Amino acid sequence: MAKGDPKDVVNKFLKAIKKGDGATMISLLADDAEVVLPGSFKVPWSGRWQGKDSIGQCFRIVGEFLDIRGHDVKLMIGEGEHVMVLIYETTVARNTGRVLHQETIWLFRITKGLIRHWQAFEDSEQIAWVWDDRARAWSAPAGGGKPG
């Protein structure tokens, strides 16, 4: 069982991600942990994953489809059992070869030294584009706007 300050637990988890150390990642989760990765139904790891077995499956799917090249913590804020992390991530989709550069925010809730909840706030449209050949890339025109 992991012990320590919530920020220490999250730091251990993030280091395990960088190393591709799935066993350590799983060991830092509570048995009834929940991971929320919002996004398109086309992206196989998007959704709500509950319990270590389910979350382990999610981690395997992510590892199968993504090559995480950079995972740099820009900011970490802790308040009680909650930790928020701003991360700059560079990822390559193995099936398309497309590269994603994004800033993402991850919110964790740590109880009894273990991750009970992890939710990602990411650019799910860009993730869908990077992963799925059928999706189209969209860039905002000068001055903003929406795709037409």
C-alpha atoms as a PDB file:
ATOM      1  CA  MET A   1       0.000   0.000   0.000  1.00  0.00           C
ATOM      2  CA  ALA A   2       1.385   3.417  -0.937  1.00  0.00           C
ATOM      3  CA  LYS A   3       1.885   5.928   1.844  1.00  0.00           C
ATOM      4  CA  GLY A   4       2.538   9.621   1.932  1.00  0.00           C
ATOM      5  CA  ASP A   5       1.425  13.039   0.967  1.00  0.00           C
ATOM      6  CA  PRO A   6      -1.050  13.125  -1.962  1.00  0.00           C
ATOM      7  CA  LYS A   7       1.474  15.040  -4.105  1.00  0.00           C
ATOM      8  CA  ASP A   8       4.105  12.370  -3.406  1.00  0.00           C
ATOM      9  CA  VAL A   9       1.672   9.650  -4.517  1.00  0.00           C
ATOM     10  CA  VAL A  10       0.903  11.526  -7.751  1.00  0.00           C
ATOM     11  CA  ASN A  11       4.627  12.116  -8.377  1.00  0.00           C
ATOM     12  CA  LYS A  12       5.276   8.364  -8.028  1.00  0.00           C
ATOM     13  CA  PHE A  13       2.419   7.670 -10.452  1.00  0.00           C
ATOM     14  CA  LEU A  14       3.733  10.182 -13.014  1.00  0.00           C
ATOM     15  CA  LYS A  15       7.263   8.735 -12.782  1.00  0.00           C
ATOM     16  CA  ALA A  16       5.815   5.266 -13.380  1.00  0.00           C
ATOM     17  CA  ILE A  17       4.017   6.565 -16.493  1.00  0.00           C
ATOM     18  CA  LYS A  18       7.291   7.998 -17.847  1.00  0.00           C
ATOM     19  CA  LYS A  19       9.030   4.651 -17.280  1.00  0.00           C
ATOM     20  CA  GLY A  20       6.132   2.613 -18.679  1.00  0.00           C
ATOM     21  CA  ASP A  21       5.946   0.830 -15.303  1.00  0.00           C
ATOM     22  CA  GLY A  22       2.388  -0.484 -15.304  1.00  0.00           C
ATOM     23  CA  ALA A  23       2.871  -2.572 -12.147  1.00  0.00           C
ATOM     24  CA  THR A  24       3.774   0.504 -10.103  1.00  0.00           C
ATOM     25  CA  MET A  25       0.923   2.479 -11.655  1.00  0.00           C
ATOM     26  CA  ILE A  26      -1.575  -0.224 -10.632  1.00  0.00           C
ATOM     27  CA  SER A  27      -0.042  -0.541  -7.141  1.00  0.00           C
ATOM     28  CA  LEU A  28      -0.776   3.150  -6.507  1.00  0.00           C
ATOM     29  CA  LEU A  29      -4.515   2.692  -7.191  1.00  0.00           C
ATOM     30  CA  ALA A  30      -7.192   1.958  -4.607  1.00  0.00           C
ATOM     31  CA  ASP A  31      -9.079  -1.292  -5.291  1.00  0.00           C
ATOM     32  CA  ASP A  32     -12.198   0.720  -6.169  1.00  0.00           C
ATOM     33  CA  ALA A  33     -10.359   3.450  -8.082  1.00  0.00           C
ATOM     34  CA  GLU A  34     -12.014   5.247 -10.978  1.00  0.00           C
ATOM     35  CA  VAL A  35     -10.355   6.741 -14.063  1.00  0.00           C
ATOM     36  CA  VAL A  36     -12.320   9.115 -16.304  1.00  0.00           C
ATOM     37  CA  LEU A  37     -10.925   9.781 -19.791  1.00  0.00           C
ATOM     38  CA  PRO A  38     -13.579  11.710 -21.727  1.00  0.00           C
ATOM     39  CA  GLY A  39     -13.556  11.571 -25.493  1.00  0.00           C
ATOM     40  CA  SER A  40     -14.894  10.170 -28.724  1.00  0.00           C
ATOM     41  CA  PHE A  41     -16.398   6.689 -28.847  1.00  0.00           C
ATOM     42  CA  LYS A  42     -13.876   6.049 -31.666  1.00  0.00           C
ATOM     43  CA  VAL A  43     -10.986   6.234 -29.181  1.00  0.00           C
ATOM     44  CA  PRO A  44     -10.724   2.843 -27.444  1.00  0.00           C
ATOM     45  CA  TRP A  45      -9.435   4.124 -24.095  1.00  0.00           C
ATOM     46  CA  SER A  46     -12.034   6.883 -23.702  1.00  0.00           C
ATOM     47  CA  GLY A  47     -14.594   6.331 -21.004  1.00  0.00           C
ATOM     48  CA  ARG A  48     -15.017   5.568 -17.321  1.00  0.00           C
ATOM     49  CA  TRP A  49     -12.840   2.753 -15.978  1.00  0.00           C
ATOM     50  CA  GLN A  50     -13.609   1.362 -12.510  1.00  0.00           C
ATOM     51  CA  GLY A  51     -11.510  -0.992 -10.400  1.00  0.00           C
ATOM     52  CA  LYS A  52      -7.898  -2.097 -10.798  1.00  0.00           C
ATOM     53  CA  ASP A  53      -8.627  -4.805 -13.401  1.00  0.00           C
ATOM     54  CA  SER A  54     -10.588  -2.452 -15.638  1.00  0.00           C
ATOM     55  CA  ILE A  55      -8.028   0.336 -15.255  1.00  0.00           C
ATOM     56  CA  GLY A  56      -5.208  -2.108 -16.005  1.00  0.00           C
ATOM     57  CA  GLN A  57      -7.015  -2.960 -19.254  1.00  0.00           C
ATOM     58  CA  CYS A  58      -7.220   0.766 -20.029  1.00  0.00           C
ATOM     59  CA  PHE A  59      -3.465   1.161 -19.445  1.00  0.00           C
ATOM     60  CA  ARG A  60      -2.746  -1.796 -21.772  1.00  0.00           C
ATOM     61  CA  ILE A  61      -4.943  -0.273 -24.494  1.00  0.00           C
ATOM     62  CA  VAL A  62      -3.198   3.098 -24.183  1.00  0.00           C
ATOM     63  CA  GLY A  63       0.199   1.366 -24.390  1.00  0.00           C
ATOM     64  CA  GLU A  64      -0.878  -0.582 -27.461  1.00  0.00           C
ATOM     65  CA  PHE A  65      -2.075   2.468 -29.385  1.00  0.00           C
ATOM     66  CA  LEU A  66       0.090   5.355 -28.139  1.00  0.00           C
ATOM     67  CA  ASP A  67       3.804   6.059 -27.927  1.00  0.00           C
ATOM     68  CA  ILE A  68       4.161   8.732 -25.242  1.00  0.00           C
ATOM     69  CA  ARG A  69       7.329  10.619 -26.171  1.00  0.00           C
ATOM     70  CA  GLY A  70       7.165  13.460 -23.672  1.00  0.00           C
ATOM     71  CA  HIS A  71       5.308  13.874 -20.425  1.00  0.00           C
ATOM     72  CA  ASP A  72       6.482  17.015 -18.669  1.00  0.00           C
ATOM     73  CA  VAL A  73       4.871  18.334 -15.502  1.00  0.00           C
ATOM     74  CA  LYS A  74       4.510  22.114 -15.710  1.00  0.00           C
ATOM     75  CA  LEU A  75       2.523  22.700 -12.511  1.00  0.00           C
ATOM     76  CA  MET A  76       1.290  20.678  -9.547  1.00  0.00           C
ATOM     77  CA  ILE A  77      -1.159  22.038  -6.986  1.00  0.00           C
ATOM     78  CA  GLY A  78      -2.350  20.125  -3.938  1.00  0.00           C
ATOM     79  CA  GLU A  79      -5.242  20.916  -1.621  1.00  0.00           C
ATOM     80  CA  GLY A  80      -6.114  18.284   0.953  1.00  0.00           C
ATOM     81  CA  GLU A  81      -6.732  14.986  -0.813  1.00  0.00           C
ATOM     82  CA  HIS A  82      -6.881  16.623  -4.279  1.00  0.00           C
ATOM     83  CA  VAL A  83      -3.946  17.145  -6.624  1.00  0.00           C
ATOM     84  CA  MET A  84      -4.123  18.957  -9.975  1.00  0.00           C
ATOM     85  CA  VAL A  85      -1.332  18.562 -12.502  1.00  0.00           C
ATOM     86  CA  LEU A  86      -0.729  20.560 -15.697  1.00  0.00           C
ATOM     87  CA  ILE A  87       1.215  18.394 -18.133  1.00  0.00           C
ATOM     88  CA  TYR A  88       2.707  19.067 -21.561  1.00  0.00           C
ATOM     89  CA  GLU A  89       2.503  15.836 -23.502  1.00  0.00           C
ATOM     90  CA  THR A  90       3.889  14.682 -26.834  1.00  0.00           C
ATOM     91  CA  THR A  91       2.318  11.477 -28.110  1.00  0.00           C
ATOM     92  CA  VAL A  92       2.454   9.518 -31.371  1.00  0.00           C
ATOM     93  CA  ALA A  93      -0.471   7.321 -32.421  1.00  0.00           C
ATOM     94  CA  ARG A  94       0.980   3.970 -33.461  1.00  0.00           C
ATOM     95  CA  ASN A  95      -1.759   3.301 -36.035  1.00  0.00           C
ATOM     96  CA  THR A  96      -1.575   6.646 -37.888  1.00  0.00           C
ATOM     97  CA  GLY A  97       1.868   8.026 -37.041  1.00  0.00           C
ATOM     98  CA  ARG A  98       0.260  11.355 -36.187  1.00  0.00           C
ATOM     99  CA  VAL A  99       1.788  13.441 -33.424  1.00  0.00           C
ATOM    100  CA  LEU A 100      -0.154  15.184 -30.683  1.00  0.00           C
ATOM    101  CA  HIS A 101       1.288  18.048 -28.671  1.00  0.00           C
ATOM    102  CA  GLN A 102      -1.065  19.115 -25.911  1.00  0.00           C
ATOM    103  CA  GLU A 103      -1.353  20.630 -22.500  1.00  0.00           C
ATOM    104  CA  THR A 104      -3.632  18.567 -20.339  1.00  0.00           C
ATOM    105  CA  ILE A 105      -4.884  18.837 -16.785  1.00  0.00           C
ATOM    106  CA  TRP A 106      -5.227  15.774 -14.620  1.00  0.00           C
ATOM    107  CA  LEU A 107      -7.180  15.853 -11.371  1.00  0.00           C
ATOM    108  CA  PHE A 108      -6.496  13.219  -8.716  1.00  0.00           C
ATOM    109  CA  ARG A 109      -8.142  12.384  -5.411  1.00  0.00           C
ATOM    110  CA  ILE A 110      -5.897  10.503  -3.014  1.00  0.00           C
ATOM    111  CA  THR A 111      -7.228   8.682   0.050  1.00  0.00           C
ATOM    112  CA  LYS A 112      -5.207   6.540   2.463  1.00  0.00           C
ATOM    113  CA  GLY A 113      -2.133   6.968   0.270  1.00  0.00           C
ATOM    114  CA  LEU A 114      -3.782   5.608  -2.893  1.00  0.00           C
ATOM    115  CA  ILE A 115      -5.325   7.112  -6.014  1.00  0.00           C
ATOM    116  CA  ARG A 116      -9.101   6.832  -5.700  1.00  0.00           C
ATOM    117  CA  HIS A 117     -10.042   9.066  -8.663  1.00  0.00           C
ATOM    118  CA  TRP A 118      -8.158  10.343 -11.719  1.00  0.00           C
ATOM    119  CA  GLN A 119      -9.848  12.478 -14.349  1.00  0.00           C
ATOM    120  CA  ALA A 120      -8.213  13.916 -17.457  1.00  0.00           C
ATOM    121  CA  PHE A 121      -9.209  17.236 -19.006  1.00  0.00           C
ATOM    122  CA  GLU A 122      -7.741  16.994 -22.505  1.00  0.00           C
ATOM    123  CA  ASP A 123      -8.312  18.134 -26.072  1.00  0.00           C
ATOM    124  CA  SER A 124     -10.440  15.115 -26.949  1.00  0.00           C
ATOM    125  CA  GLU A 125     -11.025  16.315 -30.530  1.00  0.00           C
ATOM    126  CA  GLN A 126      -7.287  16.361 -31.230  1.00  0.00           C
ATOM    127  CA  ILE A 127      -6.886  12.959 -29.580  1.00  0.00           C
ATOM    128  CA  ALA A 128      -9.610  11.580 -31.871  1.00  0.00           C
ATOM    129  CA  TRP A 129      -7.875  13.112 -34.907  1.00  0.00           C
ATOM    130  CA  VAL A 130      -4.459  11.735 -33.965  1.00  0.00           C
ATOM    131  CA  TRP A 131      -5.843   8.272 -33.373  1.00  0.00           C
ATOM    132  CA  ASP A 132      -8.500   7.871 -36.083  1.00  0.00           C
ATOM    133  CA  ASP A 133      -7.737   8.195 -39.804  1.00  0.00           C
ATOM    134  CA  ARG A 134     -11.393   9.016 -40.496  1.00  0.00           C
ATOM    135  CA  ALA A 135     -11.342  12.113 -38.292  1.00  0.00           C
ATOM    136  CA  ARG A 136     -10.284  15.397 -39.838  1.00  0.00           C
ATOM    137  CA  ALA A 137      -7.908  17.914 -38.392  1.00  0.00           C
ATOM    138  CA  TRP A 138      -9.278  21.332 -37.643  1.00  0.00           C
ATOM    139  CA  SER A 139      -7.431  24.523 -36.918  1.00  0.00           C
ATOM    140  CA  ALA A 140      -9.158  27.721 -35.880  1.00  0.00           C
ATOM    141  CA  PRO A 141      -8.973  30.430 -38.540  1.00  0.00           C
ATOM    142  CA  ALA A 142      -7.303  33.695 -37.616  1.00  0.00           C
ATOM    143  CA  GLY A 143      -9.656  35.453 -35.241  1.00  0.00           C
ATOM    144  CA  GLY A 144     -11.272  32.219 -33.998  1.00  0.00           C
ATOM    145  CA  GLY A 145     -14.392  30.540 -35.222  1.00  0.00           C
ATOM    146  CA  LYS A 146     -15.891  27.089 -35.406  1.00  0.00           C
ATOM    147  CA  PRO A 147     -15.547  24.399 -38.048  1.00  0.00           C
ATOM    148  CA  GLY A 148     -18.119  24.798 -40.764  1.00  0.00           C
END
